[in-house]
PDB file of all heavy atoms in Angstrom:
ATOM      1  N   GLY A   1     176.981   2.595  55.029  1.00  0.00           N
ATOM      2  CA  GLY A   1     177.687   3.095  56.204  1.00  0.00           C
ATOM      3  C   GLY A   1     177.235   4.461  56.667  1.00  0.00           C
ATOM      4  O   GLY A   1     177.874   5.061  57.543  1.00  0.00           O
ATOM      5  N   LYS A   2     176.119   4.958  56.137  1.00  0.00           N
ATOM      6  CA  LYS A   2     175.619   6.271  56.532  1.00  0.00           C
ATOM      7  C   LYS A   2     174.654   6.127  57.713  1.00  0.00           C
ATOM      8  O   LYS A   2     173.979   5.114  57.857  1.00  0.00           O
ATOM      9  CB  LYS A   2     174.914   6.933  55.354  1.00  0.00           C
ATOM     10  CG  LYS A   2     175.827   7.232  54.174  1.00  0.00           C
ATOM     11  CD  LYS A   2     175.046   7.863  53.019  1.00  0.00           C
ATOM     12  CE  LYS A   2     175.954   8.155  51.839  1.00  0.00           C
ATOM     13  NZ  LYS A   2     175.197   8.743  50.681  1.00  0.00           N
ATOM     14  N   PRO A   3     174.575   7.174  58.568  1.00  0.00           N
ATOM     15  CA  PRO A   3     173.637   7.113  59.697  1.00  0.00           C
ATOM     16  C   PRO A   3     172.210   6.849  59.217  1.00  0.00           C
ATOM     17  O   PRO A   3     171.772   7.381  58.191  1.00  0.00           O
ATOM     18  CB  PRO A   3     173.772   8.496  60.326  1.00  0.00           C
ATOM     19  CG  PRO A   3     175.123   8.978  59.927  1.00  0.00           C
ATOM     20  CD  PRO A   3     175.347   8.443  58.540  1.00  0.00           C
ATOM     21  N   SER A   4     171.487   6.025  59.975  1.00  0.00           N
ATOM     22  CA  SER A   4     170.138   5.646  59.576  1.00  0.00           C
ATOM     23  C   SER A   4     169.271   5.399  60.806  1.00  0.00           C
ATOM     24  O   SER A   4     169.772   4.987  61.863  1.00  0.00           O
ATOM     25  CB  SER A   4     170.178   4.376  58.715  1.00  0.00           C
ATOM     26  OG  SER A   4     168.875   3.944  58.391  1.00  0.00           O
ATOM     27  N   PHE A   5     167.974   5.650  60.651  1.00  0.00           N
ATOM     28  CA  PHE A   5     167.014   5.297  61.700  1.00  0.00           C
ATOM     29  C   PHE A   5     166.535   3.852  61.539  1.00  0.00           C
ATOM     30  O   PHE A   5     165.680   3.414  62.302  1.00  0.00           O
ATOM     31  CB  PHE A   5     165.809   6.245  61.653  1.00  0.00           C
ATOM     32  CG  PHE A   5     166.111   7.639  62.119  1.00  0.00           C
ATOM     33  CD1 PHE A   5     166.232   8.678  61.213  1.00  0.00           C
ATOM     34  CD2 PHE A   5     166.289   7.912  63.465  1.00  0.00           C
ATOM     35  CE1 PHE A   5     166.512   9.973  61.639  1.00  0.00           C
ATOM     36  CE2 PHE A   5     166.572   9.194  63.913  1.00  0.00           C
ATOM     37  CZ  PHE A   5     166.690  10.236  62.998  1.00  0.00           C
ATOM     38  N   LEU A   6     167.074   3.142  60.572  1.00  0.00           N
ATOM     39  CA  LEU A   6     166.639   1.771  60.311  1.00  0.00           C
ATOM     40  C   LEU A   6     167.792   0.788  60.476  1.00  0.00           C
ATOM     41  O   LEU A   6     168.845   0.946  59.854  1.00  0.00           O
ATOM     42  CB  LEU A   6     166.076   1.659  58.891  1.00  0.00           C
ATOM     43  CG  LEU A   6     164.898   2.575  58.549  1.00  0.00           C
ATOM     44  CD1 LEU A   6     164.452   2.361  57.108  1.00  0.00           C
ATOM     45  CD2 LEU A   6     163.726   2.349  59.496  1.00  0.00           C
ATOM     46  N   GLN A   7     167.588  -0.213  61.314  1.00  0.00           N
ATOM     47  CA  GLN A   7     168.522  -1.318  61.436  1.00  0.00           C
ATOM     48  C   GLN A   7     167.960  -2.491  60.638  1.00  0.00           C
ATOM     49  O   GLN A   7     166.891  -3.026  60.959  1.00  0.00           O
ATOM     50  CB  GLN A   7     168.714  -1.740  62.899  1.00  0.00           C
ATOM     51  CG  GLN A   7     169.700  -2.890  63.068  1.00  0.00           C
ATOM     52  CD  GLN A   7     169.742  -3.457  64.475  1.00  0.00           C
ATOM     53  OE1 GLN A   7     168.710  -3.555  65.147  1.00  0.00           O
ATOM     54  NE2 GLN A   7     170.938  -3.817  64.935  1.00  0.00           N
ATOM     55  N   ALA A   8     168.652  -2.882  59.582  1.00  0.00           N
ATOM     56  CA  ALA A   8     168.181  -3.989  58.742  1.00  0.00           C
ATOM     57  C   ALA A   8     168.165  -5.288  59.539  1.00  0.00           C
ATOM     58  O   ALA A   8     169.121  -5.600  60.265  1.00  0.00           O
ATOM     59  CB  ALA A   8     169.062  -4.131  57.510  1.00  0.00           C
ATOM     60  N   VAL A   9     167.072  -6.041  59.410  1.00  0.00           N
ATOM     61  CA  VAL A   9     166.922  -7.341  60.077  1.00  0.00           C
ATOM     62  C   VAL A   9     166.694  -8.391  58.984  1.00  0.00           C
ATOM     63  O   VAL A   9     165.578  -8.551  58.481  1.00  0.00           O
ATOM     64  CB  VAL A   9     165.745  -7.335  61.066  1.00  0.00           C
ATOM     65  CG1 VAL A   9     165.619  -8.697  61.759  1.00  0.00           C
ATOM     66  CG2 VAL A   9     165.906  -6.226  62.104  1.00  0.00           C
ATOM     67  N   PRO A  10     167.740  -9.117  58.561  1.00  0.00           N
ATOM     68  CA  PRO A  10     167.592 -10.127  57.500  1.00  0.00           C
ATOM     69  C   PRO A  10     166.810 -11.344  58.017  1.00  0.00           C
ATOM     70  O   PRO A  10     167.134 -11.913  59.064  1.00  0.00           O
ATOM     71  CB  PRO A  10     169.034 -10.499  57.157  1.00  0.00           C
ATOM     72  CG  PRO A  10     169.882  -9.414  57.755  1.00  0.00           C
ATOM     73  CD  PRO A  10     169.143  -8.941  58.957  1.00  0.00           C
ATOM     74  N   LEU A  11     165.785 -11.718  57.259  1.00  0.00           N
ATOM     75  CA  LEU A  11     164.916 -12.827  57.656  1.00  0.00           C
ATOM     76  C   LEU A  11     164.842 -13.889  56.566  1.00  0.00           C
ATOM     77  O   LEU A  11     165.132 -13.631  55.401  1.00  0.00           O
ATOM     78  CB  LEU A  11     163.491 -12.325  57.913  1.00  0.00           C
ATOM     79  CG  LEU A  11     163.255 -11.319  59.026  1.00  0.00           C
ATOM     80  CD1 LEU A  11     161.762 -10.979  59.114  1.00  0.00           C
ATOM     81  CD2 LEU A  11     163.746 -11.835  60.367  1.00  0.00           C
ATOM     82  N   ILE A  12     164.439 -15.066  56.989  1.00  0.00           N
ATOM     83  CA  ILE A  12     164.003 -16.117  56.071  1.00  0.00           C
ATOM     84  C   ILE A  12     162.516 -16.332  56.331  1.00  0.00           C
ATOM     85  O   ILE A  12     162.109 -16.583  57.476  1.00  0.00           O
ATOM     86  CB  ILE A  12     164.781 -17.417  56.281  1.00  0.00           C
ATOM     87  CG1 ILE A  12     166.267 -17.203  55.986  1.00  0.00           C
ATOM     88  CG2 ILE A  12     164.209 -18.531  55.415  1.00  0.00           C
ATOM     89  CD1 ILE A  12     167.138 -18.367  56.377  1.00  0.00           C
ATOM     90  N   GLU A  13     161.713 -16.192  55.292  1.00  0.00           N
ATOM     91  CA  GLU A  13     160.283 -16.459  55.409  1.00  0.00           C
ATOM     92  C   GLU A  13     159.988 -17.781  54.711  1.00  0.00           C
ATOM     93  O   GLU A  13     160.470 -18.018  53.594  1.00  0.00           O
ATOM     94  CB  GLU A  13     159.467 -15.341  54.777  1.00  0.00           C
ATOM     95  CG  GLU A  13     157.963 -15.554  54.913  1.00  0.00           C
ATOM     96  CD  GLU A  13     157.167 -14.374  54.409  1.00  0.00           C
ATOM     97  OE1 GLU A  13     156.984 -14.267  53.171  1.00  0.00           O
ATOM     98  OE2 GLU A  13     156.730 -13.559  55.237  1.00  0.00           O
ATOM     99  N   TYR A  14     159.213 -18.626  55.356  1.00  0.00           N
ATOM    100  CA  TYR A  14     158.958 -19.954  54.794  1.00  0.00           C
ATOM    101  C   TYR A  14     157.572 -20.438  55.207  1.00  0.00           C
ATOM    102  O   TYR A  14     156.993 -19.980  56.197  1.00  0.00           O
ATOM    103  CB  TYR A  14     160.034 -20.945  55.251  1.00  0.00           C
ATOM    104  CG  TYR A  14     160.149 -21.111  56.748  1.00  0.00           C
ATOM    105  CD1 TYR A  14     159.625 -22.234  57.398  1.00  0.00           C
ATOM    106  CD2 TYR A  14     160.799 -20.158  57.535  1.00  0.00           C
ATOM    107  CE1 TYR A  14     159.732 -22.394  58.773  1.00  0.00           C
ATOM    108  CE2 TYR A  14     160.917 -20.304  58.906  1.00  0.00           C
ATOM    109  CZ  TYR A  14     160.377 -21.419  59.522  1.00  0.00           C
ATOM    110  OH  TYR A  14     160.474 -21.578  60.880  1.00  0.00           O
ATOM    111  N   ARG A  15     157.049 -21.349  54.439  1.00  0.00           N
ATOM    112  CA  ARG A  15     155.738 -21.928  54.724  1.00  0.00           C
ATOM    113  C   ARG A  15     155.896 -23.424  55.014  1.00  0.00           C
ATOM    114  O   ARG A  15     156.166 -24.207  54.099  1.00  0.00           O
ATOM    115  CB  ARG A  15     154.781 -21.720  53.549  1.00  0.00           C
ATOM    116  CG  ARG A  15     154.357 -20.277  53.367  1.00  0.00           C
ATOM    117  CD  ARG A  15     153.287 -20.144  52.290  1.00  0.00           C
ATOM    118  NE  ARG A  15     152.831 -18.774  52.162  1.00  0.00           N
ATOM    119  CZ  ARG A  15     151.871 -18.217  52.893  1.00  0.00           C
ATOM    120  NH1 ARG A  15     151.269 -18.949  53.825  1.00  0.00           N
ATOM    121  NH2 ARG A  15     151.517 -16.961  52.699  1.00  0.00           N
ATOM    122  N   PRO A  16     155.754 -23.819  56.280  1.00  0.00           N
ATOM    123  CA  PRO A  16     155.837 -25.247  56.588  1.00  0.00           C
ATOM    124  C   PRO A  16     154.702 -26.024  55.911  1.00  0.00           C
ATOM    125  O   PRO A  16     153.571 -25.546  55.828  1.00  0.00           O
ATOM    126  CB  PRO A  16     155.678 -25.274  58.119  1.00  0.00           C
ATOM    127  CG  PRO A  16     156.026 -23.890  58.575  1.00  0.00           C
ATOM    128  CD  PRO A  16     155.580 -22.984  57.483  1.00  0.00           C
ATOM    129  N   ASP A  17     155.029 -27.185  55.398  1.00  0.00           N
ATOM    130  CA  ASP A  17     154.047 -28.066  54.778  1.00  0.00           C
ATOM    131  C   ASP A  17     153.567 -29.045  55.846  1.00  0.00           C
ATOM    132  O   ASP A  17     154.222 -30.051  56.130  1.00  0.00           O
ATOM    133  CB  ASP A  17     154.688 -28.805  53.603  1.00  0.00           C
ATOM    134  CG  ASP A  17     153.697 -29.684  52.856  1.00  0.00           C
ATOM    135  OD1 ASP A  17     152.566 -29.862  53.342  1.00  0.00           O
ATOM    136  OD2 ASP A  17     154.069 -30.198  51.779  1.00  0.00           O
ATOM    137  N   ALA A  18     152.421 -28.717  56.456  1.00  0.00           N
ATOM    138  CA  ALA A  18     151.931 -29.525  57.577  1.00  0.00           C
ATOM    139  C   ALA A  18     151.673 -30.973  57.159  1.00  0.00           C
ATOM    140  O   ALA A  18     151.872 -31.904  57.947  1.00  0.00           O
ATOM    141  CB  ALA A  18     150.656 -28.910  58.148  1.00  0.00           C
ATOM    142  N   LYS A  19     151.264 -31.172  55.922  1.00  0.00           N
ATOM    143  CA  LYS A  19     150.977 -32.536  55.462  1.00  0.00           C
ATOM    144  C   LYS A  19     152.237 -33.383  55.384  1.00  0.00           C
ATOM    145  O   LYS A  19     152.169 -34.619  55.456  1.00  0.00           O
ATOM    146  CB  LYS A  19     150.289 -32.483  54.097  1.00  0.00           C
ATOM    147  CG  LYS A  19     148.892 -31.868  54.153  1.00  0.00           C
ATOM    148  CD  LYS A  19     148.236 -31.862  52.783  1.00  0.00           C
ATOM    149  CE  LYS A  19     146.846 -31.246  52.844  1.00  0.00           C
ATOM    150  NZ  LYS A  19     146.198 -31.211  51.504  1.00  0.00           N
ATOM    151  N   ALA A  20     153.389 -32.735  55.202  1.00  0.00           N
ATOM    152  CA  ALA A  20     154.652 -33.479  55.101  1.00  0.00           C
ATOM    153  C   ALA A  20     155.357 -33.623  56.443  1.00  0.00           C
ATOM    154  O   ALA A  20     156.381 -34.306  56.541  1.00  0.00           O
ATOM    155  CB  ALA A  20     155.579 -32.788  54.108  1.00  0.00           C
ATOM    156  N   THR A  21     154.821 -32.979  57.473  1.00  0.00           N
ATOM    157  CA  THR A  21     155.417 -33.076  58.808  1.00  0.00           C
ATOM    158  C   THR A  21     155.098 -34.441  59.414  1.00  0.00           C
ATOM    159  O   THR A  21     153.942 -34.855  59.454  1.00  0.00           O
ATOM    160  CB  THR A  21     154.854 -31.971  59.729  1.00  0.00           C
ATOM    161  OG1 THR A  21     155.198 -30.700  59.196  1.00  0.00           O
ATOM    162  CG2 THR A  21     155.413 -32.102  61.135  1.00  0.00           C
ATOM    163  N   SER A  22     156.133 -35.123  59.884  1.00  0.00           N
ATOM    164  CA  SER A  22     155.880 -36.430  60.491  1.00  0.00           C
ATOM    165  C   SER A  22     156.975 -36.784  61.489  1.00  0.00           C
ATOM    166  O   SER A  22     158.092 -36.270  61.425  1.00  0.00           O
ATOM    167  CB  SER A  22     155.788 -37.526  59.428  1.00  0.00           C
ATOM    168  OG  SER A  22     157.046 -37.749  58.821  1.00  0.00           O
ATOM    169  N   LEU A  23     156.607 -37.666  62.398  1.00  0.00           N
ATOM    170  CA  LEU A  23     157.545 -38.249  63.347  1.00  0.00           C
ATOM    171  C   LEU A  23     157.295 -39.748  63.358  1.00  0.00           C
ATOM    172  O   LEU A  23     156.160 -40.196  63.540  1.00  0.00           O
ATOM    173  CB  LEU A  23     157.330 -37.663  64.751  1.00  0.00           C
ATOM    174  CG  LEU A  23     158.322 -38.126  65.814  1.00  0.00           C
ATOM    175  CD1 LEU A  23     159.695 -37.506  65.570  1.00  0.00           C
ATOM    176  CD2 LEU A  23     157.832 -37.764  67.217  1.00  0.00           C
ATOM    177  N   VAL A  24     158.354 -40.531  63.145  1.00  0.00           N
ATOM    178  CA  VAL A  24     158.229 -41.985  63.086  1.00  0.00           C
ATOM    179  C   VAL A  24     159.038 -42.593  64.218  1.00  0.00           C
ATOM    180  O   VAL A  24     160.247 -42.346  64.347  1.00  0.00           O
ATOM    181  CB  VAL A  24     158.717 -42.532  61.724  1.00  0.00           C
ATOM    182  CG1 VAL A  24     158.614 -44.048  61.702  1.00  0.00           C
ATOM    183  CG2 VAL A  24     157.922 -41.909  60.579  1.00  0.00           C
ATOM    184  N   LEU A  25     158.372 -43.373  65.061  1.00  0.00           N
ATOM    185  CA  LEU A  25     159.035 -44.114  66.130  1.00  0.00           C
ATOM    186  C   LEU A  25     159.438 -45.485  65.602  1.00  0.00           C
ATOM    187  O   LEU A  25     158.627 -46.204  65.020  1.00  0.00           O
ATOM    188  CB  LEU A  25     158.081 -44.277  67.320  1.00  0.00           C
ATOM    189  CG  LEU A  25     158.504 -45.267  68.415  1.00  0.00           C
ATOM    190  CD1 LEU A  25     159.795 -44.817  69.102  1.00  0.00           C
ATOM    191  CD2 LEU A  25     157.378 -45.450  69.437  1.00  0.00           C
ATOM    192  N   LYS A  26     160.722 -45.830  65.812  1.00  0.00           N
ATOM    193  CA  LYS A  26     161.238 -47.126  65.382  1.00  0.00           C
ATOM    194  C   LYS A  26     161.563 -47.941  66.635  1.00  0.00           C
ATOM    195  O   LYS A  26     162.447 -47.575  67.409  1.00  0.00           O
ATOM    196  CB  LYS A  26     162.482 -46.930  64.520  1.00  0.00           C
ATOM    197  CG  LYS A  26     162.200 -46.151  63.221  1.00  0.00           C
ATOM    198  CD  LYS A  26     163.464 -45.934  62.406  1.00  0.00           C
ATOM    199  CE  LYS A  26     163.155 -45.205  61.125  1.00  0.00           C
ATOM    200  NZ  LYS A  26     162.263 -45.962  60.217  1.00  0.00           N
ATOM    201  N   ARG A  27     160.823 -49.041  66.804  1.00  0.00           N
ATOM    202  CA  ARG A  27     161.003 -49.858  68.006  1.00  0.00           C
ATOM    203  C   ARG A  27     160.598 -51.298  67.698  1.00  0.00           C
ATOM    204  O   ARG A  27     159.534 -51.535  67.104  1.00  0.00           O
ATOM    205  CB  ARG A  27     160.162 -49.285  69.153  1.00  0.00           C
ATOM    206  CG  ARG A  27     160.282 -50.051  70.461  1.00  0.00           C
ATOM    207  CD  ARG A  27     159.412 -49.423  71.544  1.00  0.00           C
ATOM    208  NE  ARG A  27     159.982 -48.168  72.047  1.00  0.00           N
ATOM    209  CZ  ARG A  27     159.268 -47.231  72.661  1.00  0.00           C
ATOM    210  NH1 ARG A  27     157.972 -47.370  72.796  1.00  0.00           N
ATOM    211  NH2 ARG A  27     159.872 -46.145  73.121  1.00  0.00           N
ATOM    212  N   LYS A  28     161.468 -52.219  68.082  1.00  0.00           N
ATOM    213  CA  LYS A  28     161.203 -53.647  67.876  1.00  0.00           C
ATOM    214  C   LYS A  28     160.883 -53.961  66.412  1.00  0.00           C
ATOM    215  O   LYS A  28     160.001 -54.771  66.113  1.00  0.00           O
ATOM    216  CB  LYS A  28     160.068 -54.126  68.785  1.00  0.00           C
ATOM    217  CG  LYS A  28     160.409 -54.061  70.260  1.00  0.00           C
ATOM    218  CD  LYS A  28     159.267 -54.574  71.128  1.00  0.00           C
ATOM    219  CE  LYS A  28     159.641 -54.521  72.607  1.00  0.00           C
ATOM    220  NZ  LYS A  28     158.519 -54.990  73.462  1.00  0.00           N
ATOM    221  N   GLY A  29     161.588 -53.300  65.516  1.00  0.00           N
ATOM    222  CA  GLY A  29     161.399 -53.558  64.097  1.00  0.00           C
ATOM    223  C   GLY A  29     160.104 -53.014  63.530  1.00  0.00           C
ATOM    224  O   GLY A  29     159.764 -53.295  62.372  1.00  0.00           O
ATOM    225  N   LYS A  30     159.380 -52.234  64.318  1.00  0.00           N
ATOM    226  CA  LYS A  30     158.091 -51.707  63.882  1.00  0.00           C
ATOM    227  C   LYS A  30     158.146 -50.179  63.826  1.00  0.00           C
ATOM    228  O   LYS A  30     158.784 -49.546  64.667  1.00  0.00           O
ATOM    229  CB  LYS A  30     156.993 -52.161  64.845  1.00  0.00           C
ATOM    230  CG  LYS A  30     155.605 -51.631  64.513  1.00  0.00           C
ATOM    231  CD  LYS A  30     154.594 -52.056  65.571  1.00  0.00           C
ATOM    232  CE  LYS A  30     153.233 -51.444  65.293  1.00  0.00           C
ATOM    233  NZ  LYS A  30     152.247 -51.803  66.339  1.00  0.00           N
ATOM    234  N   ASP A  31     157.473 -49.600  62.839  1.00  0.00           N
ATOM    235  CA  ASP A  31     157.396 -48.147  62.709  1.00  0.00           C
ATOM    236  C   ASP A  31     156.006 -47.655  63.110  1.00  0.00           C
ATOM    237  O   ASP A  31     154.993 -48.226  62.678  1.00  0.00           O
ATOM    238  CB  ASP A  31     157.665 -47.709  61.265  1.00  0.00           C
ATOM    239  CG  ASP A  31     159.116 -47.883  60.855  1.00  0.00           C
ATOM    240  OD1 ASP A  31     159.925 -48.283  61.731  1.00  0.00           O
ATOM    241  OD2 ASP A  31     159.437 -47.639  59.684  1.00  0.00           O
ATOM    242  N   THR A  32     155.979 -46.634  63.944  1.00  0.00           N
ATOM    243  CA  THR A  32     154.727 -45.953  64.296  1.00  0.00           C
ATOM    244  C   THR A  32     154.852 -44.502  63.861  1.00  0.00           C
ATOM    245  O   THR A  32     155.775 -43.804  64.307  1.00  0.00           O
ATOM    246  CB  THR A  32     154.457 -46.022  65.812  1.00  0.00           C
ATOM    247  OG1 THR A  32     154.434 -47.389  66.227  1.00  0.00           O
ATOM    248  CG2 THR A  32     153.131 -45.348  66.152  1.00  0.00           C
ATOM    249  N   GLU A  33     153.928 -44.041  63.020  1.00  0.00           N
ATOM    250  CA  GLU A  33     154.037 -42.700  62.462  1.00  0.00           C
ATOM    251  C   GLU A  33     152.952 -41.778  63.016  1.00  0.00           C
ATOM    252  O   GLU A  33     151.793 -42.182  63.169  1.00  0.00           O
ATOM    253  CB  GLU A  33     153.928 -42.741  60.936  1.00  0.00           C
ATOM    254  CG  GLU A  33     154.095 -41.358  60.294  1.00  0.00           C
ATOM    255  CD  GLU A  33     153.998 -41.394  58.790  1.00  0.00           C
ATOM    256  OE1 GLU A  33     153.191 -42.201  58.261  1.00  0.00           O
ATOM    257  OE2 GLU A  33     154.703 -40.624  58.120  1.00  0.00           O
ATOM    258  N   TRP A  34     153.352 -40.533  63.319  1.00  0.00           N
ATOM    259  CA  TRP A  34     152.406 -39.495  63.721  1.00  0.00           C
ATOM    260  C   TRP A  34     152.518 -38.306  62.769  1.00  0.00           C
ATOM    261  O   TRP A  34     153.601 -37.978  62.294  1.00  0.00           O
ATOM    262  CB  TRP A  34     152.689 -39.006  65.144  1.00  0.00           C
ATOM    263  CG  TRP A  34     152.487 -40.048  66.201  1.00  0.00           C
ATOM    264  CD1 TRP A  34     151.302 -40.467  66.724  1.00  0.00           C
ATOM    265  CD2 TRP A  34     153.506 -40.780  66.883  1.00  0.00           C
ATOM    266  NE1 TRP A  34     151.516 -41.425  67.693  1.00  0.00           N
ATOM    267  CE2 TRP A  34     152.864 -41.629  67.806  1.00  0.00           C
ATOM    268  CE3 TRP A  34     154.905 -40.796  66.810  1.00  0.00           C
ATOM    269  CZ2 TRP A  34     153.569 -42.479  68.643  1.00  0.00           C
ATOM    270  CZ3 TRP A  34     155.609 -41.644  67.632  1.00  0.00           C
ATOM    271  CH2 TRP A  34     154.951 -42.484  68.539  1.00  0.00           C
ATOM    272  N   LYS A  35     151.386 -37.684  62.532  1.00  0.00           N
ATOM    273  CA  LYS A  35     151.329 -36.520  61.656  1.00  0.00           C
ATOM    274  C   LYS A  35     150.700 -35.344  62.413  1.00  0.00           C
ATOM    275  O   LYS A  35     150.239 -35.484  63.543  1.00  0.00           O
ATOM    276  CB  LYS A  35     150.492 -36.842  60.404  1.00  0.00           C
ATOM    277  CG  LYS A  35     150.941 -38.083  59.642  1.00  0.00           C
ATOM    278  CD  LYS A  35     152.104 -37.826  58.722  1.00  0.00           C
ATOM    279  CE  LYS A  35     151.667 -37.094  57.489  1.00  0.00           C
ATOM    280  NZ  LYS A  35     152.766 -36.930  56.514  1.00  0.00           N
ATOM    281  N   ASP A  36     150.673 -34.197  61.764  1.00  0.00           N
ATOM    282  CA  ASP A  36     150.014 -33.019  62.321  1.00  0.00           C
ATOM    283  C   ASP A  36     148.516 -33.329  62.550  1.00  0.00           C
ATOM    284  O   ASP A  36     147.891 -33.972  61.696  1.00  0.00           O
ATOM    285  CB  ASP A  36     150.155 -31.867  61.314  1.00  0.00           C
ATOM    286  CG  ASP A  36     149.601 -30.557  61.823  1.00  0.00           C
ATOM    287  OD1 ASP A  36     150.321 -29.872  62.560  1.00  0.00           O
ATOM    288  OD2 ASP A  36     148.444 -30.226  61.491  1.00  0.00           O
ATOM    289  N   PRO A  37     147.893 -32.974  63.698  1.00  0.00           N
ATOM    290  CA  PRO A  37     148.412 -32.098  64.750  1.00  0.00           C
ATOM    291  C   PRO A  37     149.054 -32.830  65.925  1.00  0.00           C
ATOM    292  O   PRO A  37     149.407 -32.186  66.910  1.00  0.00           O
ATOM    293  CB  PRO A  37     147.146 -31.375  65.200  1.00  0.00           C
ATOM    294  CG  PRO A  37     146.086 -32.431  65.087  1.00  0.00           C
ATOM    295  CD  PRO A  37     146.451 -33.235  63.867  1.00  0.00           C
TER     296      PRO A  37
END
């Protein structure tokens, strides 16, 4: 609670796993998968 020249900015740092990134389209009982990029 003391005066400061610094305003703390709490962050979350993370590393996305591009190999695990996916989008799957489900249509007519069929799956179509896309990956990075």
